[in-house]
C-alpha atoms as a PDB file:
ATOM      1  CA  MET A   1      64.670 -48.229  58.333  1.00  0.00           C
ATOM      2  CA  ALA A   2      65.947 -50.803  55.758  1.00  0.00           C
ATOM      3  CA  ASP A   3      69.690 -51.069  55.020  1.00  0.00           C
ATOM      4  CA  THR A   4      70.170 -49.595  51.536  1.00  0.00           C
ATOM      5  CA  LYS A   5      73.291 -51.748  51.080  1.00  0.00           C
ATOM      6  CA  SER A   6      71.012 -54.730  50.493  1.00  0.00           C
ATOM      7  CA  PHE A   7      69.389 -53.069  47.459  1.00  0.00           C
ATOM      8  CA  ALA A   8      70.825 -52.709  43.959  1.00  0.00           C
ATOM      9  CA  CYS A   9      72.523 -49.517  42.810  1.00  0.00           C
ATOM     10  CA  ILE A  10      70.714 -48.428  39.668  1.00  0.00           C
ATOM     11  CA  PHE A  11      73.716 -46.375  38.525  1.00  0.00           C
ATOM     12  CA  PHE A  12      76.087 -49.392  38.843  1.00  0.00           C
ATOM     13  CA  ARG A  13      73.756 -51.359  36.585  1.00  0.00           C
ATOM     14  CA  LYS A  14      74.100 -48.586  33.989  1.00  0.00           C
ATOM     15  CA  GLY A  15      77.866 -48.443  34.469  1.00  0.00           C
ATOM     16  CA  THR A  16      77.731 -44.860  35.721  1.00  0.00           C
ATOM     17  CA  CYS A  17      78.166 -45.188  39.525  1.00  0.00           C
ATOM     18  CA  ARG A  18      81.054 -43.005  40.727  1.00  0.00           C
ATOM     19  CA  ASN A  19      81.043 -44.044  44.389  1.00  0.00           C
ATOM     20  CA  GLY A  20      82.797 -47.410  44.090  1.00  0.00           C
ATOM     21  CA  ASP A  21      83.167 -49.238  47.424  1.00  0.00           C
ATOM     22  CA  THR A  22      81.736 -46.260  49.315  1.00  0.00           C
ATOM     23  CA  CYS A  23      78.380 -46.505  47.508  1.00  0.00           C
ATOM     24  CA  SER A  24      75.429 -46.783  49.878  1.00  0.00           C
ATOM     25  CA  PHE A  25      73.772 -49.338  47.577  1.00  0.00           C
ATOM     26  CA  SER A  26      74.848 -52.833  46.492  1.00  0.00           C
ATOM     27  CA  HIS A  27      76.898 -53.508  43.362  1.00  0.00           C
ATOM     28  CA  ASP A  28      75.884 -57.197  43.479  1.00  0.00           C
ATOM     29  CA  PRO A  29      74.200 -57.944  40.131  1.00  0.00           C
ATOM     30  CA  ASN A  30      71.716 -60.224  41.944  1.00  0.00           C
ATOM     31  CA  ALA A  31      70.691 -57.630  44.530  1.00  0.00           C
ATOM     32  CA  PRO A  32      66.992 -56.755  44.486  1.00  0.00           C
ATOM     33  CA  ASP A  33      65.682 -53.329  43.523  1.00  0.00           C
ATOM     34  CA  ALA A  34      64.923 -50.867  46.302  1.00  0.00           C
ATOM     35  CA  PRO A  35      61.203 -50.554  47.088  1.00  0.00           C
ATOM     36  CA  ILE A  36      59.431 -47.542  45.615  1.00  0.00           C
ATOM     37  CA  LYS A  37      58.737 -44.933  48.268  1.00  0.00           C
ATOM     38  CA  SER A  38      55.121 -44.061  48.809  1.00  0.00           C
ATOM     39  CA  ALA A  39      54.210 -40.580  47.696  1.00  0.00           C
ATOM     40  CA  GLY A  40      51.745 -40.402  50.576  1.00  0.00           C
ATOM     41  CA  PRO A  41      48.000 -40.023  50.260  1.00  0.00           C
ATOM     42  CA  PRO A  42      46.752 -38.542  46.989  1.00  0.00           C
ATOM     43  CA  ARG A  43      46.373 -34.772  47.008  1.00  0.00           C
ATOM     44  CA  VAL A  44      42.779 -33.730  47.175  1.00  0.00           C
ATOM     45  CA  SER A  45      41.696 -30.494  45.542  1.00  0.00           C
ATOM     46  CA  PRO A  46      40.052 -28.153  48.027  1.00  0.00           C
ATOM     47  CA  SER A  47      36.297 -28.481  47.957  1.00  0.00           C
ATOM     48  CA  LYS A  48      34.120 -25.501  47.230  1.00  0.00           C
ATOM     49  CA  PRO A  49      33.610 -23.617  50.535  1.00  0.00           C
ATOM     50  CA  ARG A  50      30.103 -23.088  51.760  1.00  0.00           C
ATOM     51  CA  PRO A  51      28.723 -19.537  51.614  1.00  0.00           C
ATOM     52  CA  ALA A  52      28.695 -17.546  54.825  1.00  0.00           C
ATOM     53  CA  VAL A  53      25.613 -17.802  57.014  1.00  0.00           C
ATOM     54  CA  ILE A  54      24.510 -14.804  59.067  1.00  0.00           C
ATOM     55  CA  GLU A  55      22.519 -15.532  62.191  1.00  0.00           C
ATOM     56  CA  LEU A  56      20.819 -12.362  63.379  1.00  0.00           C
ATOM     57  CA  LYS A  57      21.446 -11.806  67.079  1.00  0.00           C
ATOM     58  CA  PRO A  58      18.360 -11.025  69.153  1.00  0.00           C
ATOM     59  CA  GLY A  59      18.688  -7.730  70.982  1.00  0.00           C
ATOM     60  CA  SER A  60      21.360  -6.388  68.622  1.00  0.00           C
ATOM     61  CA  VAL A  61      20.865  -3.324  66.448  1.00  0.00           C
ATOM     62  CA  TYR A  62      22.092  -3.519  62.857  1.00  0.00           C
ATOM     63  CA  VAL A  63      23.138  -0.223  61.271  1.00  0.00           C
ATOM     64  CA  SER A  64      25.230   0.824  58.306  1.00  0.00           C
ATOM     65  CA  ILE A  65      27.946   3.472  58.436  1.00  0.00           C
ATOM     66  CA  ASP A  66      29.649   5.055  55.436  1.00  0.00           C
ATOM     67  CA  VAL A  67      32.277   7.780  55.161  1.00  0.00           C
ATOM     68  CA  GLU A  68      33.277  10.006  52.244  1.00  0.00           C
ATOM     69  CA  CYS A  69      36.659  11.723  52.279  1.00  0.00           C
ATOM     70  CA  VAL A  70      38.376  14.638  50.552  1.00  0.00           C
ATOM     71  CA  ALA A  71      42.038  14.790  49.569  1.00  0.00           C
ATOM     72  CA  THR A  72      44.355  16.938  51.681  1.00  0.00           C
ATOM     73  CA  SER A  73      47.474  16.457  49.546  1.00  0.00           C
ATOM     74  CA  LYS A  74      48.549  14.706  46.345  1.00  0.00           C
ATOM     75  CA  GLU A  75      49.367  11.425  48.147  1.00  0.00           C
ATOM     76  CA  HIS A  76      46.677   8.755  48.064  1.00  0.00           C
ATOM     77  CA  ASN A  77      46.934   8.233  51.839  1.00  0.00           C
ATOM     78  CA  SER A  78      46.186  11.898  52.585  1.00  0.00           C
ATOM     79  CA  ARG A  79      42.444  11.954  53.102  1.00  0.00           C
ATOM     80  CA  ALA A  80      40.135  13.604  55.627  1.00  0.00           C
ATOM     81  CA  THR A  81      36.605  12.693  56.672  1.00  0.00           C
ATOM     82  CA  ALA A  82      34.057  15.037  55.094  1.00  0.00           C
ATOM     83  CA  GLN A  83      30.727  13.164  55.276  1.00  0.00           C
ATOM     84  CA  ILE A  84      29.378  10.570  57.723  1.00  0.00           C
ATOM     85  CA  ALA A  85      26.159   8.629  57.223  1.00  0.00           C
ATOM     86  CA  LEU A  86      24.330   6.358  59.650  1.00  0.00           C
ATOM     87  CA  VAL A  87      21.449   4.243  58.309  1.00  0.00           C
ATOM     88  CA  SER A  88      19.044   1.871  60.099  1.00  0.00           C
ATOM     89  CA  GLN A  89      18.454  -1.778  59.190  1.00  0.00           C
ATOM     90  CA  GLN A  90      15.235  -0.628  57.522  1.00  0.00           C
ATOM     91  CA  GLY A  91      17.305   1.553  55.200  1.00  0.00           C
ATOM     92  CA  GLU A  92      16.229   4.828  56.807  1.00  0.00           C
ATOM     93  CA  PRO A  93      18.877   7.566  57.236  1.00  0.00           C
ATOM     94  CA  ILE A  94      19.544   8.337  60.894  1.00  0.00           C
ATOM     95  CA  LEU A  95      22.378  10.838  60.427  1.00  0.00           C
ATOM     96  CA  ASN A  96      23.888  12.680  57.474  1.00  0.00           C
ATOM     97  CA  LEU A  97      26.753  14.815  58.768  1.00  0.00           C
ATOM     98  CA  TYR A  98      29.118  17.038  56.794  1.00  0.00           C
ATOM     99  CA  VAL A  99      32.535  17.759  58.229  1.00  0.00           C
ATOM    100  CA  LYS A 100      34.907  20.675  57.656  1.00  0.00           C
ATOM    101  CA  PRO A 101      38.416  19.199  57.552  1.00  0.00           C
ATOM    102  CA  ASP A 102      41.042  20.894  59.726  1.00  0.00           C
ATOM    103  CA  ALA A 103      43.675  20.579  56.973  1.00  0.00           C
ATOM    104  CA  PRO A 104      43.501  22.531  53.711  1.00  0.00           C
ATOM    105  CA  VAL A 105      41.636  20.612  51.006  1.00  0.00           C
ATOM    106  CA  ALA A 106      43.666  19.752  47.896  1.00  0.00           C
ATOM    107  CA  SER A 107      40.641  18.300  46.076  1.00  0.00           C
ATOM    108  CA  TYR A 108      37.050  17.590  47.002  1.00  0.00           C
ATOM    109  CA  LEU A 109      37.107  14.709  44.473  1.00  0.00           C
ATOM    110  CA  GLU A 110      33.591  15.809  43.567  1.00  0.00           C
ATOM    111  CA  PRO A 111      32.989  13.347  40.690  1.00  0.00           C
ATOM    112  CA  LEU A 112      33.658  10.562  43.187  1.00  0.00           C
ATOM    113  CA  THR A 113      32.277  11.955  46.469  1.00  0.00           C
ATOM    114  CA  SER A 114      29.577  14.490  45.477  1.00  0.00           C
ATOM    115  CA  LEU A 115      31.336  16.910  47.860  1.00  0.00           C
ATOM    116  CA  ASN A 116      32.390  20.467  47.098  1.00  0.00           C
ATOM    117  CA  LYS A 117      33.571  23.579  48.882  1.00  0.00           C
ATOM    118  CA  GLU A 118      30.169  25.262  48.973  1.00  0.00           C
ATOM    119  CA  LEU A 119      28.473  22.217  50.505  1.00  0.00           C
ATOM    120  CA  LEU A 120      31.026  21.867  53.295  1.00  0.00           C
ATOM    121  CA  GLU A 121      31.157  25.615  53.936  1.00  0.00           C
ATOM    122  CA  GLN A 122      27.374  25.722  54.320  1.00  0.00           C
ATOM    123  CA  HIS A 123      26.708  22.482  56.209  1.00  0.00           C
ATOM    124  CA  GLY A 124      30.083  21.365  57.558  1.00  0.00           C
ATOM    125  CA  MET A 125      30.941  21.106  61.242  1.00  0.00           C
ATOM    126  CA  PRO A 126      34.110  20.246  63.164  1.00  0.00           C
ATOM    127  CA  LEU A 127      34.889  16.527  63.251  1.00  0.00           C
ATOM    128  CA  ALA A 128      34.645  16.467  67.058  1.00  0.00           C
ATOM    129  CA  GLU A 129      31.089  17.790  66.907  1.00  0.00           C
ATOM    130  CA  ALA A 130      30.135  15.279  64.218  1.00  0.00           C
ATOM    131  CA  MET A 131      31.606  12.394  66.228  1.00  0.00           C
ATOM    132  CA  ALA A 132      29.724  13.509  69.341  1.00  0.00           C
ATOM    133  CA  GLN A 133      26.469  13.350  67.368  1.00  0.00           C
ATOM    134  CA  LEU A 134      27.392   9.968  65.892  1.00  0.00           C
ATOM    135  CA  ARG A 135      28.246   8.439  69.256  1.00  0.00           C
ATOM    136  CA  SER A 136      25.005   9.779  70.752  1.00  0.00           C
ATOM    137  CA  ARG A 137      22.990   7.907  68.078  1.00  0.00           C
ATOM    138  CA  LEU A 138      25.116   4.769  67.828  1.00  0.00           C
ATOM    139  CA  PRO A 139      23.944   2.046  70.247  1.00  0.00           C
ATOM    140  CA  LYS A 140      26.661   0.227  72.190  1.00  0.00           C
ATOM    141  CA  ASN A 141      25.174  -3.084  71.012  1.00  0.00           C
ATOM    142  CA  ALA A 142      25.176  -2.008  67.363  1.00  0.00           C
ATOM    143  CA  ILE A 143      26.521  -4.332  64.683  1.00  0.00           C
ATOM    144  CA  LEU A 144      27.990  -2.232  61.893  1.00  0.00           C
ATOM    145  CA  VAL A 145      27.366  -3.301  58.300  1.00  0.00           C
ATOM    146  CA  GLY A 146      29.266  -1.931  55.330  1.00  0.00           C
ATOM    147  CA  GLN A 147      31.636  -2.432  52.434  1.00  0.00           C
ATOM    148  CA  ASN A 148      35.157  -2.613  53.903  1.00  0.00           C
ATOM    149  CA  ILE A 149      33.551  -1.352  57.101  1.00  0.00           C
ATOM    150  CA  GLY A 150      36.825  -1.616  58.972  1.00  0.00           C
ATOM    151  CA  LYS A 151      38.173   1.311  56.969  1.00  0.00           C
ATOM    152  CA  ASP A 152      35.216   3.514  57.904  1.00  0.00           C
ATOM    153  CA  VAL A 153      35.700   2.575  61.563  1.00  0.00           C
ATOM    154  CA  GLU A 154      39.372   3.501  61.217  1.00  0.00           C
ATOM    155  CA  TRP A 155      38.541   6.902  59.709  1.00  0.00           C
ATOM    156  CA  LEU A 156      36.149   7.634  62.566  1.00  0.00           C
ATOM    157  CA  GLN A 157      38.451   6.181  65.242  1.00  0.00           C
ATOM    158  CA  LEU A 158      35.602   4.129  66.664  1.00  0.00           C
ATOM    159  CA  LYS A 159      36.475   1.253  68.995  1.00  0.00           C
ATOM    160  CA  GLU A 160      34.909  -2.188  68.671  1.00  0.00           C
ATOM    161  CA  GLY A 161      33.517  -3.350  72.002  1.00  0.00           C
ATOM    162  CA  GLU A 162      33.334   0.214  73.266  1.00  0.00           C
ATOM    163  CA  ASP A 163      31.516   2.358  70.696  1.00  0.00           C
ATOM    164  CA  PHE A 164      29.778  -0.609  69.029  1.00  0.00           C
ATOM    165  CA  ALA A 165      29.603  -4.399  69.368  1.00  0.00           C
ATOM    166  CA  GLU A 166      31.008  -5.839  66.128  1.00  0.00           C
ATOM    167  CA  MET A 167      31.246  -5.483  62.335  1.00  0.00           C
ATOM    168  CA  ILE A 168      30.011  -7.342  59.267  1.00  0.00           C
ATOM    169  CA  ASP A 169      32.058  -6.634  56.149  1.00  0.00           C
ATOM    170  CA  LEU A 170      30.069  -6.949  52.930  1.00  0.00           C
ATOM    171  CA  ALA A 171      33.294  -7.486  50.992  1.00  0.00           C
ATOM    172  CA  ALA A 172      33.711 -10.804  52.824  1.00  0.00           C
ATOM    173  CA  LEU A 173      29.999 -11.623  52.723  1.00  0.00           C
ATOM    174  CA  PHE A 174      29.677 -11.174  48.958  1.00  0.00           C
ATOM    175  CA  ARG A 175      32.944 -12.826  47.946  1.00  0.00           C
ATOM    176  CA  VAL A 176      32.480 -15.789  45.596  1.00  0.00           C
ATOM    177  CA  TRP A 177      34.547 -18.941  45.274  1.00  0.00           C
ATOM    178  CA  ASN A 178      36.085 -18.993  41.795  1.00  0.00           C
ATOM    179  CA  ASP A 179      36.693 -22.577  40.632  1.00  0.00           C
ATOM    180  CA  LYS A 180      38.931 -21.364  37.815  1.00  0.00           C
ATOM    181  CA  TYR A 181      41.489 -19.874  40.216  1.00  0.00           C
ATOM    182  CA  ARG A 182      40.647 -22.024  43.278  1.00  0.00           C
ATOM    183  CA  SER A 183      40.302 -18.893  45.362  1.00  0.00           C
ATOM    184  CA  TYR A 184      37.801 -16.209  46.318  1.00  0.00           C
ATOM    185  CA  THR A 185      36.953 -13.281  44.069  1.00  0.00           C
ATOM    186  CA  TYR A 186      35.981 -10.069  45.848  1.00  0.00           C
ATOM    187  CA  PHE A 187      33.668  -7.356  44.534  1.00  0.00           C
ATOM    188  CA  GLY A 188      32.952  -3.701  45.248  1.00  0.00           C
ATOM    189  CA  LEU A 189      29.656  -2.260  46.453  1.00  0.00           C
ATOM    190  CA  ASP A 190      28.654  -0.941  43.023  1.00  0.00           C
ATOM    191  CA  HIS A 191      29.138  -4.334  41.367  1.00  0.00           C
ATOM    192  CA  ALA A 192      27.180  -6.154  44.070  1.00  0.00           C
ATOM    193  CA  ALA A 193      24.325  -3.622  43.816  1.00  0.00           C
ATOM    194  CA  THR A 194      24.324  -3.950  40.030  1.00  0.00           C
ATOM    195  CA  CYS A 195      24.150  -7.746  40.043  1.00  0.00           C
ATOM    196  CA  TRP A 196      21.899  -8.356  43.039  1.00  0.00           C
ATOM    197  CA  MET A 197      19.544  -5.362  42.901  1.00  0.00           C
ATOM    198  CA  GLY A 198      19.823  -4.039  39.351  1.00  0.00           C
ATOM    199  CA  GLN A 199      21.116  -0.711  40.680  1.00  0.00           C
ATOM    200  CA  ALA A 200      23.916   0.092  38.264  1.00  0.00           C
ATOM    201  CA  ASN A 201      25.930   3.122  39.334  1.00  0.00           C
ATOM    202  CA  ASP A 202      26.982   3.963  35.766  1.00  0.00           C
ATOM    203  CA  GLY A 203      29.884   6.081  36.950  1.00  0.00           C
ATOM    204  CA  ALA A 204      27.776   8.412  39.085  1.00  0.00           C
ATOM    205  CA  ALA A 205      29.335  10.090  42.109  1.00  0.00           C
ATOM    206  CA  HIS A 206      29.105   8.361  45.459  1.00  0.00           C
ATOM    207  CA  ASN A 207      27.360   9.717  48.529  1.00  0.00           C
ATOM    208  CA  ALA A 208      27.733   8.425  52.072  1.00  0.00           C
ATOM    209  CA  VAL A 209      23.972   8.154  52.607  1.00  0.00           C
ATOM    210  CA  THR A 210      23.160   6.353  49.369  1.00  0.00           C
ATOM    211  CA  ASP A 211      26.105   3.993  49.833  1.00  0.00           C
ATOM    212  CA  ALA A 212      25.033   3.187  53.396  1.00  0.00           C
ATOM    213  CA  VAL A 213      21.478   2.537  52.200  1.00  0.00           C
ATOM    214  CA  LYS A 214      22.791   0.237  49.443  1.00  0.00           C
ATOM    215  CA  SER A 215      24.908  -1.602  51.972  1.00  0.00           C
ATOM    216  CA  MET A 216      21.937  -2.286  54.208  1.00  0.00           C
ATOM    217  CA  GLN A 217      19.724  -3.299  51.282  1.00  0.00           C
ATOM    218  CA  LEU A 218      22.350  -5.796  50.153  1.00  0.00           C
ATOM    219  CA  PHE A 219      22.749  -7.119  53.692  1.00  0.00           C
ATOM    220  CA  ASN A 220      19.002  -7.638  54.064  1.00  0.00           C
ATOM    221  CA  LEU A 221      18.825  -9.339  50.676  1.00  0.00           C
ATOM    222  CA  TYR A 222      21.616 -11.710  51.639  1.00  0.00           C
ATOM    223  CA  ILE A 223      19.766 -12.592  54.845  1.00  0.00           C
ATOM    224  CA  GLN A 224      16.712 -13.458  52.729  1.00  0.00           C
ATOM    225  CA  VAL A 225      18.453 -15.700  50.190  1.00  0.00           C
ATOM    226  CA  GLN A 226      21.201 -17.324  52.290  1.00  0.00           C
ATOM    227  CA  HIS A 227      18.999 -20.353  53.016  1.00  0.00           C
ATOM    228  CA  ASN A 228      17.864 -20.676  49.374  1.00  0.00           C
ATOM    229  CA  PRO A 229      20.899 -22.386  47.753  1.00  0.00           C
ATOM    230  CA  PRO A 230      19.673 -22.241  44.113  1.00  0.00           C
ATOM    231  CA  GLU A 231      18.899 -18.525  44.306  1.00  0.00           C
ATOM    232  CA  LEU A 232      22.094 -17.753  46.193  1.00  0.00           C
ATOM    233  CA  ALA A 233      24.107 -19.697  43.612  1.00  0.00           C
ATOM    234  CA  ARG A 234      22.380 -17.799  40.802  1.00  0.00           C
ATOM    235  CA  LEU A 235      23.179 -14.429  42.331  1.00  0.00           C
ATOM    236  CA  GLN A 236      26.768 -15.421  43.057  1.00  0.00           C
ATOM    237  CA  GLY A 237      27.077 -16.573  39.464  1.00  0.00           C
ATOM    238  CA  LEU A 238      25.949 -13.126  38.316  1.00  0.00           C
ATOM    239  CA  LEU A 239      28.745 -11.555  40.353  1.00  0.00           C
ATOM    240  CA  LEU A 240      31.310 -13.697  38.538  1.00  0.00           C
ATOM    241  CA  SER A 241      29.841 -13.513  35.028  1.00  0.00           C
ATOM    242  CA  THR A 242      28.943  -9.811  34.894  1.00  0.00           C
ATOM    243  CA  PRO A 243      31.798  -7.569  33.696  1.00  0.00           C
ATOM    244  CA  VAL A 244      33.030  -5.269  36.455  1.00  0.00           C
ATOM    245  CA  ALA A 245      32.800  -1.583  35.570  1.00  0.00           C
ATOM    246  CA  PRO A 246      36.131   0.230  35.963  1.00  0.00           C
ATOM    247  CA  SER A 247      36.431   2.176  39.195  1.00  0.00           C
ATOM    248  CA  PHE A 248      36.998   5.920  39.399  1.00  0.00           C
ATOM    249  CA  ALA A 249      40.604   5.284  40.447  1.00  0.00           C
ATOM    250  CA  LYS A 250      41.179   3.000  37.480  1.00  0.00           C
ATOM    251  CA  LYS A 251      39.763   5.548  35.043  1.00  0.00           C
ATOM    252  CA  ASN A 252      41.488   8.441  36.815  1.00  0.00           C
ATOM    253  CA  PRO A 253      44.874   7.448  38.261  1.00  0.00           C
ATOM    254  CA  GLU A 254      45.208  11.118  39.221  1.00  0.00           C
ATOM    255  CA  PHE A 255      42.513  13.739  39.743  1.00  0.00           C
ATOM    256  CA  GLU A 256      43.203  17.442  40.244  1.00  0.00           C
ATOM    257  CA  GLY A 257      46.812  16.560  40.994  1.00  0.00           C
ATOM    258  CA  CYS A 258      45.885  13.986  43.657  1.00  0.00           C
ATOM    259  CA  CYS A 259      46.873  10.332  43.310  1.00  0.00           C
ATOM    260  CA  MET A 260      43.855   8.024  43.492  1.00  0.00           C
ATOM    261  CA  GLY A 261      45.759   5.063  44.892  1.00  0.00           C
ATOM    262  CA  ASN A 262      45.472   2.575  42.048  1.00  0.00           C
ATOM    263  CA  ARG A 263      48.301   0.125  42.767  1.00  0.00           C
ATOM    264  CA  LYS A 264      49.177  -0.296  39.109  1.00  0.00           C
ATOM    265  CA  THR A 265      49.169   3.397  38.227  1.00  0.00           C
ATOM    266  CA  CYS A 266      50.103   5.114  41.506  1.00  0.00           C
ATOM    267  CA  THR A 267      51.743   8.481  40.782  1.00  0.00           C
ATOM    268  CA  CYS A 268      52.719   9.610  44.291  1.00  0.00           C
ATOM    269  CA  GLY A 269      54.850   6.777  45.610  1.00  0.00           C
ATOM    270  CA  ALA A 270      53.098   6.694  49.001  1.00  0.00           C
ATOM    271  CA  PRO A 271      52.876   3.260  50.680  1.00  0.00           C
ATOM    272  CA  PHE A 272      49.875   0.962  50.513  1.00  0.00           C
ATOM    273  CA  PHE A 273      48.737  -0.392  53.862  1.00  0.00           C
ATOM    274  CA  SER A 274      46.311  -3.085  52.706  1.00  0.00           C
END
C-alpha cells in the first residue's frame, strides 16, 4: 500500500485542511496528486433468465391435486378442507371428495368455492376417510402439479418422499421476467388460463375439480411450447400485457364476516405466513 504522505492534500491546496502537521497527506505544493482508486469492474445488469425447462421423468406419474376450503372463523387463517380433487395427466378426474369439517363453519364462501351446507351435508365425509381414499389412489412415485401446490399439500398433511415423489408449482413455472422491474412477475391460475388457453374465469366460483383440470392443461401446454422460444415468448408476453382481473379477496376484503386475507385490506389482524 502506497504511503499517502507522498501525495498532495487536496484540502491544503484549497486552504481548508484542518489537520496541520498530523495530516496523512503532504502539504508540499509540489507533491503529486494521489492516484484515482479503481471503482472495480463495471456493474453488469442481470441478463434475462432463461425460462424453466421441464424434463418428464420416465416411470413417474403426473397428477394434479386441488383443495377448496371453508372458513371456520373470521380470521383469514381459519380454514378447513372441504373438497379434494385428484386429476390425471390426461385431465381426467380420478377423485372428487367432499369433506365435512370437524369445526363449525363460519362461511362456506360459496361465491369463491362453489360449496354450501347442503352439498357437504349430502356428500361430505370425515377428513380421515377422504384422506384414506386419496392415499389409496395416489401413487408413491406421483409428481404433483398445481398452483401453489405446496399449500394444498400442507392442507392435506401429505409428506413429500412418503406419500408422493415431488411437486411442480405452476406459480413458479408460469412466472415471467419483467425487464421493467428487473424481477419476476407471478400470476394466478385464472390469469394463466385466460392468457394461455382463452379460458377466462370472469369472476365465476372456483371448484377443486375444474381448477385441477386447468392446472394439468396448463402444465401440458407448457411442456408442448417450452422448446418453441418464439411461441413461449409470445405467451409470456400475453401474461405481462393482459390486465389481471381482481381476485375475490381484492373485491371482497371481508365476506359474511370472514376476512379474506388481502394484505392491504385485512380486517382481522391475523398473521400472514407467506
